[in-house]
C-alpha cells in the first residue's frame, strides 16, 4: 500500500514538473514573439520616419522652386508639421484610448 502511494506521489510530482516546464516554455515563446514584433515595429518606425523626413524635404524644396524662394517652402512645411503636432498633442487622451483598444484587439486574437 505504501509503495502505491509513493508511486502515485512520484507520478504526481512528475506531472506537476512537466506542467511547470510546459508553462515556462509557452511563456518564453510568447515573450520571444512579443520581442520579435517590437524589434520589427521599431525598425519599421525608423525607416518610415526617415522616409517621411526625405519626403518633407523634397516637398519643401519643390515649394521653394515653385515660389522662387529660398525659405518659404521650408516655413510652409514647418508650419504644417507644427500644426499637426499641436493637433496630435491636443488629441492625446482620445488617441491613447484608441491605441489601447487596438492593443487589446491584437493580443486578444493571437
PDB file of N, CA and C in Angstrom:
ATOM      1  N   UNK A   1       0.817  -1.185   0.000  1.00  0.00           N
ATOM      2  CA  UNK A   1       0.000   0.000   0.000  1.00  0.00           C
ATOM      3  C   UNK A   1       0.868   1.260   0.000  1.00  0.00           C
ATOM      4  N   UNK A   2       1.914   1.243   0.819  1.00  0.00           N
ATOM      5  CA  UNK A   2       2.818   2.387   0.894  1.00  0.00           C
ATOM      6  C   UNK A   2       3.524   2.611  -0.443  1.00  0.00           C
ATOM      7  N   UNK A   3       3.873   1.529  -1.132  1.00  0.00           N
ATOM      8  CA  UNK A   3       4.538   1.642  -2.435  1.00  0.00           C
ATOM      9  C   UNK A   3       3.620   2.302  -3.457  1.00  0.00           C
ATOM     10  N   UNK A   4       2.332   1.990  -3.425  1.00  0.00           N
ATOM     11  CA  UNK A   4       1.373   2.590  -4.351  1.00  0.00           C
ATOM     12  C   UNK A   4       1.245   4.092  -4.098  1.00  0.00           C
ATOM     13  N   UNK A   5       1.214   4.474  -2.838  1.00  0.00           N
ATOM     14  CA  UNK A   5       1.133   5.894  -2.501  1.00  0.00           C
ATOM     15  C   UNK A   5       2.402   6.604  -2.939  1.00  0.00           C
ATOM     16  N   UNK A   6       3.535   5.966  -2.711  1.00  0.00           N
ATOM     17  CA  UNK A   6       4.819   6.541  -3.121  1.00  0.00           C
ATOM     18  C   UNK A   6       4.884   6.666  -4.648  1.00  0.00           C
ATOM     19  N   UNK A   7       4.401   5.675  -5.362  1.00  0.00           N
ATOM     20  CA  UNK A   7       4.394   5.705  -6.822  1.00  0.00           C
ATOM     21  C   UNK A   7       3.450   6.807  -7.328  1.00  0.00           C
ATOM     22  N   UNK A   8       2.303   6.915  -6.681  1.00  0.00           N
ATOM     23  CA  UNK A   8       1.348   7.965  -7.044  1.00  0.00           C
ATOM     24  C   UNK A   8       1.946   9.346  -6.789  1.00  0.00           C
ATOM     25  N   UNK A   9       2.632   9.513  -5.683  1.00  0.00           N
ATOM     26  CA  UNK A   9       3.292  10.781  -5.370  1.00  0.00           C
ATOM     27  C   UNK A   9       4.352  11.097  -6.423  1.00  0.00           C
ATOM     28  N   UNK A  10       5.105  10.083  -6.823  1.00  0.00           N
ATOM     29  CA  UNK A  10       6.139  10.263  -7.833  1.00  0.00           C
ATOM     30  C   UNK A  10       5.526  10.717  -9.168  1.00  0.00           C
ATOM     31  N   UNK A  11       4.445  10.049  -9.604  1.00  0.00           N
ATOM     32  CA  UNK A  11       3.781  10.426 -10.852  1.00  0.00           C
ATOM     33  C   UNK A  11       3.177  11.826 -10.767  1.00  0.00           C
ATOM     34  N   UNK A  12       2.608  12.169  -9.634  1.00  0.00           N
ATOM     35  CA  UNK A  12       2.048  13.497  -9.431  1.00  0.00           C
ATOM     36  C   UNK A  12       3.139  14.552  -9.493  1.00  0.00           C
ATOM     37  N   UNK A  13       4.267  14.270  -8.869  1.00  0.00           N
ATOM     38  CA  UNK A  13       5.399  15.190  -8.900  1.00  0.00           C
ATOM     39  C   UNK A  13       5.889  15.390 -10.335  1.00  0.00           C
ATOM     40  N   UNK A  14       6.016  14.289 -11.085  1.00  0.00           N
ATOM     41  CA  UNK A  14       6.454  14.377 -12.474  1.00  0.00           C
ATOM     42  C   UNK A  14       5.440  15.156 -13.319  1.00  0.00           C
ATOM     43  N   UNK A  15       4.147  14.939 -13.071  1.00  0.00           N
ATOM     44  CA  UNK A  15       3.104  15.643 -13.799  1.00  0.00           C
ATOM     45  C   UNK A  15       3.201  17.151 -13.542  1.00  0.00           C
ATOM     46  N   UNK A  16       3.341  17.531 -12.282  1.00  0.00           N
ATOM     47  CA  UNK A  16       3.439  18.946 -11.930  1.00  0.00           C
ATOM     48  C   UNK A  16       4.711  19.547 -12.531  1.00  0.00           C
ATOM     49  N   UNK A  17       5.796  18.814 -12.464  1.00  0.00           N
ATOM     50  CA  UNK A  17       7.051  19.283 -13.039  1.00  0.00           C
ATOM     51  C   UNK A  17       6.918  19.496 -14.548  1.00  0.00           C
ATOM     52  N   UNK A  18       6.256  18.581 -15.233  1.00  0.00           N
ATOM     53  CA  UNK A  18       6.042  18.694 -16.678  1.00  0.00           C
ATOM     54  C   UNK A  18       5.163  19.897 -16.996  1.00  0.00           C
ATOM     55  N   UNK A  19       4.106  20.097 -16.220  1.00  0.00           N
ATOM     56  CA  UNK A  19       3.222  21.252 -16.439  1.00  0.00           C
ATOM     57  C   UNK A  19       3.966  22.562 -16.233  1.00  0.00           C
ATOM     58  N   UNK A  20       4.818  22.626 -15.220  1.00  0.00           N
ATOM     59  CA  UNK A  20       5.594  23.842 -14.968  1.00  0.00           C
ATOM     60  C   UNK A  20       6.549  24.112 -16.128  1.00  0.00           C
ATOM     61  N   UNK A  21       7.209  23.072 -16.607  1.00  0.00           N
ATOM     62  CA  UNK A  21       8.117  23.227 -17.746  1.00  0.00           C
ATOM     63  C   UNK A  21       7.359  23.671 -18.997  1.00  0.00           C
ATOM     64  N   UNK A  22       6.176  23.110 -19.216  1.00  0.00           N
ATOM     65  CA  UNK A  22       5.356  23.496 -20.362  1.00  0.00           C
ATOM     66  C   UNK A  22       4.936  24.963 -20.254  1.00  0.00           C
ATOM     67  N   UNK A  23       4.512  25.380 -19.086  1.00  0.00           N
ATOM     68  CA  UNK A  23       4.133  26.767 -18.858  1.00  0.00           C
ATOM     69  C   UNK A  23       5.329  27.693 -19.076  1.00  0.00           C
ATOM     70  N   UNK A  24       6.472  27.281 -18.581  1.00  0.00           N
ATOM     71  CA  UNK A  24       7.696  28.068 -18.756  1.00  0.00           C
ATOM     72  C   UNK A  24       8.037  28.216 -20.234  1.00  0.00           C
ATOM     73  N   UNK A  25       7.952  27.137 -20.993  1.00  0.00           N
ATOM     74  CA  UNK A  25       8.254  27.161 -22.424  1.00  0.00           C
ATOM     75  C   UNK A  25       7.249  28.023 -23.183  1.00  0.00           C
ATOM     76  N   UNK A  26       5.966  27.900 -22.859  1.00  0.00           N
ATOM     77  CA  UNK A  26       4.944  28.711 -23.525  1.00  0.00           C
ATOM     78  C   UNK A  26       5.136  30.190 -23.222  1.00  0.00           C
ATOM     79  N   UNK A  27       5.458  30.521 -21.977  1.00  0.00           N
ATOM     80  CA  UNK A  27       5.690  31.909 -21.601  1.00  0.00           C
ATOM     81  C   UNK A  27       6.903  32.469 -22.324  1.00  0.00           C
ATOM     82  N   UNK A  28       7.962  31.690 -22.373  1.00  0.00           N
ATOM     83  CA  UNK A  28       9.168  32.127 -23.070  1.00  0.00           C
ATOM     84  C   UNK A  28       8.880  32.353 -24.553  1.00  0.00           C
ATOM     85  N   UNK A  29       8.130  31.474 -25.165  1.00  0.00           N
ATOM     86  CA  UNK A  29       7.785  31.609 -26.578  1.00  0.00           C
ATOM     87  C   UNK A  29       6.943  32.860 -26.812  1.00  0.00           C
ATOM     88  N   UNK A  30       6.003  33.124 -25.910  1.00  0.00           N
ATOM     89  CA  UNK A  30       5.150  34.305 -26.028  1.00  0.00           C
ATOM     90  C   UNK A  30       5.990  35.579 -25.902  1.00  0.00           C
ATOM     91  N   UNK A  31       6.899  35.605 -24.953  1.00  0.00           N
ATOM     92  CA  UNK A  31       7.769  36.768 -24.773  1.00  0.00           C
ATOM     93  C   UNK A  31       8.669  36.959 -25.984  1.00  0.00           C
ATOM     94  N   UNK A  32       9.201  35.882 -26.529  1.00  0.00           N
ATOM     95  CA  UNK A  32      10.035  35.972 -27.734  1.00  0.00           C
ATOM     96  C   UNK A  32       9.242  36.548 -28.895  1.00  0.00           C
ATOM     97  N   UNK A  33       8.003  36.121 -29.066  1.00  0.00           N
ATOM     98  CA  UNK A  33       7.168  36.653 -30.143  1.00  0.00           C
ATOM     99  C   UNK A  33       6.918  38.143 -29.970  1.00  0.00           C
ATOM    100  N   UNK A  34       6.671  38.570 -28.742  1.00  0.00           N
ATOM    101  CA  UNK A  34       6.455  39.995 -28.479  1.00  0.00           C
ATOM    102  C   UNK A  34       7.715  40.786 -28.790  1.00  0.00           C
ATOM    103  N   UNK A  35       8.875  40.294 -28.372  1.00  0.00           N
ATOM    104  CA  UNK A  35      10.127  40.992 -28.621  1.00  0.00           C
ATOM    105  C   UNK A  35      10.411  41.075 -30.116  1.00  0.00           C
ATOM    106  N   UNK A  36      10.175  39.996 -30.844  1.00  0.00           N
ATOM    107  CA  UNK A  36      10.390  39.998 -32.295  1.00  0.00           C
ATOM    108  C   UNK A  36       9.479  41.031 -32.964  1.00  0.00           C
ATOM    109  N   UNK A  37       8.232  41.078 -32.549  1.00  0.00           N
ATOM    110  CA  UNK A  37       7.307  42.057 -33.120  1.00  0.00           C
ATOM    111  C   UNK A  37       7.730  43.479 -32.775  1.00  0.00           C
ATOM    112  N   UNK A  38       8.211  43.694 -31.545  1.00  0.00           N
ATOM    113  CA  UNK A  38       8.661  45.036 -31.157  1.00  0.00           C
ATOM    114  C   UNK A  38       9.883  45.471 -31.952  1.00  0.00           C
ATOM    115  N   UNK A  39      10.839  44.571 -32.154  1.00  0.00           N
ATOM    116  CA  UNK A  39      12.026  44.910 -32.943  1.00  0.00           C
ATOM    117  C   UNK A  39      11.610  45.258 -34.365  1.00  0.00           C
ATOM    118  N   UNK A  40      10.730  44.453 -34.954  1.00  0.00           N
ATOM    119  CA  UNK A  40      10.241  44.724 -36.303  1.00  0.00           C
ATOM    120  C   UNK A  40       9.548  46.080 -36.359  1.00  0.00           C
ATOM    121  N   UNK A  41       8.718  46.373 -35.356  1.00  0.00           N
ATOM    122  CA  UNK A  41       7.999  47.641 -35.309  1.00  0.00           C
ATOM    123  C   UNK A  41       8.962  48.815 -35.190  1.00  0.00           C
ATOM    124  N   UNK A  42       9.976  48.703 -34.349  1.00  0.00           N
ATOM    125  CA  UNK A  42      10.944  49.786 -34.182  1.00  0.00           C
ATOM    126  C   UNK A  42      11.689  50.048 -35.487  1.00  0.00           C
ATOM    127  N   UNK A  43      12.124  48.988 -36.167  1.00  0.00           N
ATOM    128  CA  UNK A  43      12.823  49.156 -37.440  1.00  0.00           C
ATOM    129  C   UNK A  43      11.895  49.813 -38.465  1.00  0.00           C
ATOM    130  N   UNK A  44      10.639  49.357 -38.512  1.00  0.00           N
ATOM    131  CA  UNK A  44       9.688  49.961 -39.446  1.00  0.00           C
ATOM    132  C   UNK A  44       9.432  51.432 -39.122  1.00  0.00           C
ATOM    133  N   UNK A  45       9.347  51.770 -37.842  1.00  0.00           N
ATOM    134  CA  UNK A  45       9.144  53.166 -37.456  1.00  0.00           C
ATOM    135  C   UNK A  45      10.342  54.034 -37.844  1.00  0.00           C
ATOM    136  N   UNK A  46      11.549  53.514 -37.654  1.00  0.00           N
ATOM    137  CA  UNK A  46      12.743  54.272 -38.034  1.00  0.00           C
ATOM    138  C   UNK A  46      12.773  54.487 -39.539  1.00  0.00           C
ATOM    139  N   UNK A  47      12.539  53.419 -40.307  1.00  0.00           N
ATOM    140  CA  UNK A  47      12.543  53.550 -41.765  1.00  0.00           C
ATOM    141  C   UNK A  47      11.423  54.478 -42.247  1.00  0.00           C
ATOM    142  N   UNK A  48      10.254  54.360 -41.644  1.00  0.00           N
ATOM    143  CA  UNK A  48       9.148  55.244 -42.001  1.00  0.00           C
ATOM    144  C   UNK A  48       9.438  56.694 -41.673  1.00  0.00           C
ATOM    145  N   UNK A  49      10.072  56.923 -40.532  1.00  0.00           N
ATOM    146  CA  UNK A  49      10.432  58.286 -40.140  1.00  0.00           C
ATOM    147  C   UNK A  49      11.448  58.887 -41.101  1.00  0.00           C
ATOM    148  N   UNK A  50      12.467  58.119 -41.450  1.00  0.00           N
ATOM    149  CA  UNK A  50      13.465  58.616 -42.398  1.00  0.00           C
ATOM    150  C   UNK A  50      12.836  58.908 -43.757  1.00  0.00           C
ATOM    151  N   UNK A  51      11.954  58.037 -44.207  1.00  0.00           N
ATOM    152  CA  UNK A  51      11.260  58.264 -45.472  1.00  0.00           C
ATOM    153  C   UNK A  51      10.419  59.540 -45.395  1.00  0.00           C
ATOM    154  N   UNK A  52       9.713  59.711 -44.290  1.00  0.00           N
ATOM    155  CA  UNK A  52       8.911  60.923 -44.107  1.00  0.00           C
ATOM    156  C   UNK A  52       9.751  62.184 -44.114  1.00  0.00           C
ATOM    157  N   UNK A  53      10.908  62.145 -43.471  1.00  0.00           N
ATOM    158  CA  UNK A  53      11.797  63.305 -43.453  1.00  0.00           C
ATOM    159  C   UNK A  53      12.208  63.682 -44.872  1.00  0.00           C
ATOM    160  N   UNK A  54      12.618  62.698 -45.648  1.00  0.00           N
ATOM    161  CA  UNK A  54      13.039  62.986 -47.019  1.00  0.00           C
ATOM    162  C   UNK A  54      11.875  63.450 -47.889  1.00  0.00           C
ATOM    163  N   UNK A  55      10.679  62.925 -47.654  1.00  0.00           N
ATOM    164  CA  UNK A  55       9.507  63.379 -48.396  1.00  0.00           C
ATOM    165  C   UNK A  55       9.225  64.843 -48.078  1.00  0.00           C
ATOM    166  N   UNK A  56       9.272  65.216 -46.810  1.00  0.00           N
ATOM    167  CA  UNK A  56       9.011  66.602 -46.432  1.00  0.00           C
ATOM    168  C   UNK A  56      10.099  67.544 -46.942  1.00  0.00           C
ATOM    169  N   UNK A  57      11.348  67.101 -46.941  1.00  0.00           N
ATOM    170  CA  UNK A  57      12.417  67.928 -47.503  1.00  0.00           C
ATOM    171  C   UNK A  57      12.186  68.126 -48.999  1.00  0.00           C
ATOM    172  N   UNK A  58      11.801  67.069 -49.690  1.00  0.00           N
ATOM    173  CA  UNK A  58      11.531  67.169 -51.125  1.00  0.00           C
ATOM    174  C   UNK A  58      10.360  68.106 -51.399  1.00  0.00           C
ATOM    175  N   UNK A  59       9.311  68.002 -50.606  1.00  0.00           N
ATOM    176  CA  UNK A  59       8.157  68.904 -50.765  1.00  0.00           C
ATOM    177  C   UNK A  59       8.577  70.351 -50.516  1.00  0.00           C
ATOM    178  N   UNK A  60       9.371  70.573 -49.478  1.00  0.00           N
ATOM    179  CA  UNK A  60       9.823  71.930 -49.165  1.00  0.00           C
ATOM    180  C   UNK A  60      10.665  72.504 -50.299  1.00  0.00           C
ATOM    181  N   UNK A  61      11.553  71.710 -50.852  1.00  0.00           N
ATOM    182  CA  UNK A  61      12.381  72.178 -51.973  1.00  0.00           C
ATOM    183  C   UNK A  61      11.504  72.457 -53.190  1.00  0.00           C
ATOM    184  N   UNK A  62      10.516  71.613 -53.445  1.00  0.00           N
ATOM    185  CA  UNK A  62       9.615  71.837 -54.580  1.00  0.00           C
ATOM    186  C   UNK A  62       8.818  73.128 -54.395  1.00  0.00           C
ATOM    187  N   UNK A  63       8.338  73.379 -53.185  1.00  0.00           N
ATOM    188  CA  UNK A  63       7.615  74.629 -52.926  1.00  0.00           C
ATOM    189  C   UNK A  63       8.552  75.819 -53.096  1.00  0.00           C
ATOM    190  N   UNK A  64       9.793  75.673 -52.640  1.00  0.00           N
ATOM    191  CA  UNK A  64      10.776  76.737 -52.840  1.00  0.00           C
ATOM    192  C   UNK A  64      10.955  77.037 -54.325  1.00  0.00           C
ATOM    193  N   UNK A  65      11.080  76.013 -55.150  1.00  0.00           N
ATOM    194  CA  UNK A  65      11.232  76.202 -56.588  1.00  0.00           C
ATOM    195  C   UNK A  65       9.992  76.854 -57.187  1.00  0.00           C
ATOM    196  N   UNK A  66       8.817  76.398 -56.740  1.00  0.00           N
ATOM    197  CA  UNK A  66       7.560  76.914 -57.269  1.00  0.00           C
ATOM    198  C   UNK A  66       7.371  78.395 -56.907  1.00  0.00           C
ATOM    199  N   UNK A  67       7.734  78.755 -55.650  1.00  0.00           N
ATOM    200  CA  UNK A  67       7.582  80.138 -55.199  1.00  0.00           C
ATOM    201  C   UNK A  67       8.817  80.990 -55.501  1.00  0.00           C
ATOM    202  N   UNK A  68       9.843  80.377 -56.066  1.00  0.00           N
ATOM    203  CA  UNK A  68      11.102  81.071 -56.373  1.00  0.00           C
ATOM    204  C   UNK A  68      11.645  81.742 -55.103  1.00  0.00           C
ATOM    205  N   UNK A  69      11.784  80.942 -54.052  1.00  0.00           N
ATOM    206  CA  UNK A  69      12.244  81.436 -52.761  1.00  0.00           C
ATOM    207  C   UNK A  69      13.240  80.450 -52.176  1.00  0.00           C
ATOM    208  N   UNK A  70      14.012  80.939 -51.209  1.00  0.00           N
ATOM    209  CA  UNK A  70      14.967  80.058 -50.543  1.00  0.00           C
ATOM    210  C   UNK A  70      14.400  79.426 -49.276  1.00  0.00           C
ATOM    211  N   UNK A  71      13.392  80.028 -48.687  1.00  0.00           N
ATOM    212  CA  UNK A  71      12.957  79.568 -47.364  1.00  0.00           C
ATOM    213  C   UNK A  71      11.466  79.356 -47.216  1.00  0.00           C
ATOM    214  N   UNK A  72      10.612  79.896 -48.113  1.00  0.00           N
ATOM    215  CA  UNK A  72       9.170  79.790 -47.916  1.00  0.00           C
ATOM    216  C   UNK A  72       8.684  78.341 -47.908  1.00  0.00           C
ATOM    217  N   UNK A  73       9.249  77.508 -48.707  1.00  0.00           N
ATOM    218  CA  UNK A  73       8.845  76.105 -48.727  1.00  0.00           C
ATOM    219  C   UNK A  73       9.103  75.421 -47.394  1.00  0.00           C
ATOM    220  N   UNK A  74      10.276  75.709 -46.826  1.00  0.00           N
ATOM    221  CA  UNK A  74      10.601  75.121 -45.525  1.00  0.00           C
ATOM    222  C   UNK A  74       9.705  75.683 -44.425  1.00  0.00           C
ATOM    223  N   UNK A  75       9.388  76.979 -44.487  1.00  0.00           N
ATOM    224  CA  UNK A  75       8.484  77.564 -43.490  1.00  0.00           C
ATOM    225  C   UNK A  75       7.071  76.986 -43.604  1.00  0.00           C
ATOM    226  N   UNK A  76       6.609  76.771 -44.836  1.00  0.00           N
ATOM    227  CA  UNK A  76       5.274  76.200 -45.025  1.00  0.00           C
ATOM    228  C   UNK A  76       5.233  74.763 -44.494  1.00  0.00           C
ATOM    229  N   UNK A  77       6.243  73.975 -44.817  1.00  0.00           N
ATOM    230  CA  UNK A  77       6.296  72.593 -44.321  1.00  0.00           C
ATOM    231  C   UNK A  77       6.433  72.579 -42.800  1.00  0.00           C
ATOM    232  N   UNK A  78       7.265  73.486 -42.250  1.00  0.00           N
ATOM    233  CA  UNK A  78       7.397  73.587 -40.792  1.00  0.00           C
ATOM    234  C   UNK A  78       6.068  73.931 -40.145  1.00  0.00           C
ATOM    235  N   UNK A  79       5.341  74.904 -40.724  1.00  0.00           N
ATOM    236  CA  UNK A  79       4.025  75.279 -40.185  1.00  0.00           C
ATOM    237  C   UNK A  79       3.051  74.109 -40.218  1.00  0.00           C
ATOM    238  N   UNK A  80       3.065  73.351 -41.306  1.00  0.00           N
ATOM    239  CA  UNK A  80       2.194  72.187 -41.408  1.00  0.00           C
ATOM    240  C   UNK A  80       2.530  71.152 -40.334  1.00  0.00           C
ATOM    241  N   UNK A  81       3.820  70.881 -40.169  1.00  0.00           N
ATOM    242  CA  UNK A  81       4.233  69.898 -39.154  1.00  0.00           C
ATOM    243  C   UNK A  81       3.942  70.404 -37.742  1.00  0.00           C
ATOM    244  N   UNK A  82       4.117  71.692 -37.500  1.00  0.00           N
ATOM    245  CA  UNK A  82       3.808  72.263 -36.189  1.00  0.00           C
ATOM    246  C   UNK A  82       2.316  72.155 -35.893  1.00  0.00           C
ATOM    247  N   UNK A  83       1.498  72.474 -36.884  1.00  0.00           N
ATOM    248  CA  UNK A  83       0.049  72.360 -36.709  1.00  0.00           C
ATOM    249  C   UNK A  83      -0.360  70.914 -36.441  1.00  0.00           C
ATOM    250  N   UNK A  84       0.221  69.990 -37.197  1.00  0.00           N
ATOM    251  CA  UNK A  84      -0.073  68.568 -36.995  1.00  0.00           C
ATOM    252  C   UNK A  84       0.339  68.119 -35.595  1.00  0.00           C
ATOM    253  N   UNK A  85       1.502  68.576 -35.145  1.00  0.00           N
ATOM    254  CA  UNK A  85       1.973  68.218 -33.796  1.00  0.00           C
ATOM    255  C   UNK A  85       1.036  68.761 -32.724  1.00  0.00           C
ATOM    256  N   UNK A  86       0.610  69.998 -32.865  1.00  0.00           N
ATOM    257  CA  UNK A  86      -0.308  70.579 -31.879  1.00  0.00           C
ATOM    258  C   UNK A  86      -1.642  69.846 -31.859  1.00  0.00           C
ATOM    259  N   UNK A  87      -2.138  69.476 -33.022  1.00  0.00           N
ATOM    260  CA  UNK A  87      -3.390  68.699 -33.061  1.00  0.00           C
ATOM    261  C   UNK A  87      -3.202  67.342 -32.397  1.00  0.00           C
ATOM    262  N   UNK A  88      -2.069  66.722 -32.627  1.00  0.00           N
ATOM    263  CA  UNK A  88      -1.775  65.411 -32.039  1.00  0.00           C
ATOM    264  C   UNK A  88      -1.695  65.509 -30.515  1.00  0.00           C
ATOM    265  N   UNK A  89      -1.055  66.569 -30.013  1.00  0.00           N
ATOM    266  CA  UNK A  89      -0.926  66.752 -28.561  1.00  0.00           C
ATOM    267  C   UNK A  89      -2.304  66.972 -27.937  1.00  0.00           C
ATOM    268  N   UNK A  90      -3.142  67.760 -28.600  1.00  0.00           N
ATOM    269  CA  UNK A  90      -4.475  68.033 -28.051  1.00  0.00           C
ATOM    270  C   UNK A  90      -5.390  66.819 -28.099  1.00  0.00           C
ATOM    271  N   UNK A  91      -5.136  65.902 -29.000  1.00  0.00           N
ATOM    272  CA  UNK A  91      -5.967  64.703 -29.111  1.00  0.00           C
ATOM    273  C   UNK A  91      -5.389  63.550 -28.296  1.00  0.00           C
ATOM    274  N   UNK A  92      -4.516  63.828 -27.348  1.00  0.00           N
ATOM    275  CA  UNK A  92      -3.784  62.818 -26.596  1.00  0.00           C
ATOM    276  C   UNK A  92      -4.636  61.737 -25.958  1.00  0.00           C
ATOM    277  N   UNK A  93      -5.638  62.115 -25.184  1.00  0.00           N
ATOM    278  CA  UNK A  93      -6.463  61.132 -24.465  1.00  0.00           C
ATOM    279  C   UNK A  93      -7.223  60.225 -25.431  1.00  0.00           C
ATOM    280  N   UNK A  94      -7.808  60.829 -26.461  1.00  0.00           N
ATOM    281  CA  UNK A  94      -8.579  60.035 -27.423  1.00  0.00           C
ATOM    282  C   UNK A  94      -7.676  59.061 -28.170  1.00  0.00           C
ATOM    283  N   UNK A  95      -6.488  59.516 -28.530  1.00  0.00           N
ATOM    284  CA  UNK A  95      -5.546  58.650 -29.250  1.00  0.00           C
ATOM    285  C   UNK A  95      -5.089  57.519 -28.343  1.00  0.00           C
ATOM    286  N   UNK A  96      -4.815  57.808 -27.085  1.00  0.00           N
ATOM    287  CA  UNK A  96      -4.389  56.770 -26.147  1.00  0.00           C
ATOM    288  C   UNK A  96      -5.478  55.711 -25.984  1.00  0.00           C
ATOM    289  N   UNK A  97      -6.719  56.133 -25.897  1.00  0.00           N
ATOM    290  CA  UNK A  97      -7.827  55.180 -25.778  1.00  0.00           C
ATOM    291  C   UNK A  97      -7.924  54.311 -27.030  1.00  0.00           C
ATOM    292  N   UNK A  98      -7.754  54.926 -28.204  1.00  0.00           N
ATOM    293  CA  UNK A  98      -7.830  54.178 -29.453  1.00  0.00           C
ATOM    294  C   UNK A  98      -6.694  53.154 -29.542  1.00  0.00           C
ATOM    295  N   UNK A  99      -5.488  53.557 -29.161  1.00  0.00           N
ATOM    296  CA  UNK A  99      -4.348  52.642 -29.190  1.00  0.00           C
ATOM    297  C   UNK A  99      -4.560  51.512 -28.195  1.00  0.00           C
ATOM    298  N   UNK A 100      -5.086  51.822 -27.024  1.00  0.00           N
ATOM    299  CA  UNK A 100      -5.355  50.796 -26.015  1.00  0.00           C
ATOM    300  C   UNK A 100      -6.360  49.765 -26.545  1.00  0.00           C
ATOM    301  N   UNK A 101      -7.410  50.229 -27.223  1.00  0.00           N
ATOM    302  CA  UNK A 101      -8.398  49.315 -27.797  1.00  0.00           C
ATOM    303  C   UNK A 101      -7.776  48.454 -28.882  1.00  0.00           C
ATOM    304  N   UNK A 102      -6.919  49.053 -29.715  1.00  0.00           N
ATOM    305  CA  UNK A 102      -6.260  48.289 -30.771  1.00  0.00           C
ATOM    306  C   UNK A 102      -5.348  47.223 -30.176  1.00  0.00           C
ATOM    307  N   UNK A 103      -4.608  47.562 -29.125  1.00  0.00           N
ATOM    308  CA  UNK A 103      -3.724  46.581 -28.494  1.00  0.00           C
ATOM    309  C   UNK A 103      -4.508  45.435 -27.881  1.00  0.00           C
ATOM    310  N   UNK A 104      -5.628  45.762 -27.233  1.00  0.00           N
ATOM    311  CA  UNK A 104      -6.466  44.696 -26.673  1.00  0.00           C
ATOM    312  C   UNK A 104      -6.972  43.791 -27.779  1.00  0.00           C
ATOM    313  N   UNK A 105      -7.357  44.374 -28.916  1.00  0.00           N
ATOM    314  CA  UNK A 105      -7.866  43.586 -30.039  1.00  0.00           C
ATOM    315  C   UNK A 105      -6.753  42.701 -30.620  1.00  0.00           C
ATOM    316  N   UNK A 106      -5.537  43.250 -30.761  1.00  0.00           N
ATOM    317  CA  UNK A 106      -4.433  42.493 -31.341  1.00  0.00           C
ATOM    318  C   UNK A 106      -4.055  41.320 -30.444  1.00  0.00           C
ATOM    319  N   UNK A 107      -3.917  41.565 -29.131  1.00  0.00           N
ATOM    320  CA  UNK A 107      -3.500  40.499 -28.233  1.00  0.00           C
ATOM    321  C   UNK A 107      -4.624  39.499 -27.955  1.00  0.00           C
ATOM    322  N   UNK A 108      -5.868  39.922 -28.180  1.00  0.00           N
ATOM    323  CA  UNK A 108      -6.993  39.007 -27.971  1.00  0.00           C
ATOM    324  C   UNK A 108      -7.017  37.935 -29.059  1.00  0.00           C
ATOM    325  N   UNK A 109      -6.615  38.267 -30.281  1.00  0.00           N
ATOM    326  CA  UNK A 109      -6.696  37.328 -31.404  1.00  0.00           C
ATOM    327  C   UNK A 109      -5.355  36.728 -31.770  1.00  0.00           C
ATOM    328  N   UNK A 110      -4.432  36.633 -30.835  1.00  0.00           N
ATOM    329  CA  UNK A 110      -3.138  35.996 -31.121  1.00  0.00           C
ATOM    330  C   UNK A 110      -3.210  34.531 -30.911  1.00  0.00           C
TER     331      UNK A 110
END
